[in-house]
């Protein structure tokens, strides 16, 4: 996307630093949310099979 906007592609600055941080936080929260939902769903599936 930066290349399409005429911005430098391989430049490390405050914007790229905050973008990386935001993507890492989002990925962590998405992974934790998925893990919790998978655990809850697996618990319900095993309880329903009894």
C-alpha atoms as a PDB file:
ATOM      1  CA  UNK A   1       0.000   0.000   0.000  1.00  0.00           C
ATOM      2  CA  UNK A   2       2.708   2.597   0.743  1.00  0.00           C
ATOM      3  CA  UNK A   3       4.199   2.041  -2.716  1.00  0.00           C
ATOM      4  CA  UNK A   4       0.813   2.759  -4.317  1.00  0.00           C
ATOM      5  CA  UNK A   5       0.670   6.039  -2.399  1.00  0.00           C
ATOM      6  CA  UNK A   6       4.150   7.100  -3.519  1.00  0.00           C
ATOM      7  CA  UNK A   7       5.690   6.589  -0.080  1.00  0.00           C
ATOM      8  CA  UNK A   8       9.029   4.846   0.520  1.00  0.00           C
ATOM      9  CA  UNK A   9       8.588   1.123   1.028  1.00  0.00           C
ATOM     10  CA  UNK A  10      11.547   0.093   3.188  1.00  0.00           C
ATOM     11  CA  UNK A  11      11.835   3.032   5.532  1.00  0.00           C
ATOM     12  CA  UNK A  12      11.711   2.624   9.314  1.00  0.00           C
ATOM     13  CA  UNK A  13      10.184   5.611  11.118  1.00  0.00           C
ATOM     14  CA  UNK A  14       7.600   6.420  13.783  1.00  0.00           C
ATOM     15  CA  UNK A  15       4.697   5.624  11.478  1.00  0.00           C
ATOM     16  CA  UNK A  16       5.998   2.186  10.548  1.00  0.00           C
ATOM     17  CA  UNK A  17       6.885   1.519  14.185  1.00  0.00           C
ATOM     18  CA  UNK A  18       3.367   2.307  15.404  1.00  0.00           C
ATOM     19  CA  UNK A  19       1.852   0.342  12.507  1.00  0.00           C
ATOM     20  CA  UNK A  20       3.886  -2.726  13.416  1.00  0.00           C
ATOM     21  CA  UNK A  21       2.917  -2.339  17.069  1.00  0.00           C
ATOM     22  CA  UNK A  22      -0.748  -2.042  16.175  1.00  0.00           C
ATOM     23  CA  UNK A  23      -0.633  -5.135  13.980  1.00  0.00           C
ATOM     24  CA  UNK A  24       1.128  -7.133  16.710  1.00  0.00           C
ATOM     25  CA  UNK A  25      -1.425  -6.111  19.351  1.00  0.00           C
ATOM     26  CA  UNK A  26      -4.305  -6.900  16.995  1.00  0.00           C
ATOM     27  CA  UNK A  27      -2.824 -10.323  16.192  1.00  0.00           C
ATOM     28  CA  UNK A  28      -2.330 -11.102  19.876  1.00  0.00           C
ATOM     29  CA  UNK A  29      -5.898 -10.123  20.764  1.00  0.00           C
ATOM     30  CA  UNK A  30      -7.334 -11.996  17.776  1.00  0.00           C
ATOM     31  CA  UNK A  31      -5.375 -15.129  18.705  1.00  0.00           C
ATOM     32  CA  UNK A  32      -6.438 -14.984  22.342  1.00  0.00           C
ATOM     33  CA  UNK A  33     -10.062 -14.433  21.363  1.00  0.00           C
ATOM     34  CA  UNK A  34      -9.959 -17.387  18.986  1.00  0.00           C
ATOM     35  CA  UNK A  35      -8.388 -19.602  21.668  1.00  0.00           C
ATOM     36  CA  UNK A  36     -11.070 -18.700  24.206  1.00  0.00           C
ATOM     37  CA  UNK A  37     -13.892 -19.262  21.720  1.00  0.00           C
ATOM     38  CA  UNK A  38     -12.383 -22.611  20.675  1.00  0.00           C
ATOM     39  CA  UNK A  39     -12.126 -23.743  24.306  1.00  0.00           C
ATOM     40  CA  UNK A  40     -15.703 -22.724  25.095  1.00  0.00           C
ATOM     41  CA  UNK A  41     -17.039 -24.347  21.945  1.00  0.00           C
ATOM     42  CA  UNK A  42     -15.112 -27.568  22.569  1.00  0.00           C
ATOM     43  CA  UNK A  43     -16.443 -27.687  26.140  1.00  0.00           C
ATOM     44  CA  UNK A  44     -20.019 -27.300  24.955  1.00  0.00           C
ATOM     45  CA  UNK A  45     -19.572 -29.948  22.254  1.00  0.00           C
ATOM     46  CA  UNK A  46     -18.230 -32.507  24.725  1.00  0.00           C
ATOM     47  CA  UNK A  47     -20.963 -31.711  27.275  1.00  0.00           C
ATOM     48  CA  UNK A  48     -23.667 -32.090  24.627  1.00  0.00           C
ATOM     49  CA  UNK A  49     -22.355 -35.526  23.651  1.00  0.00           C
ATOM     50  CA  UNK A  50     -22.864 -37.034  27.095  1.00  0.00           C
END
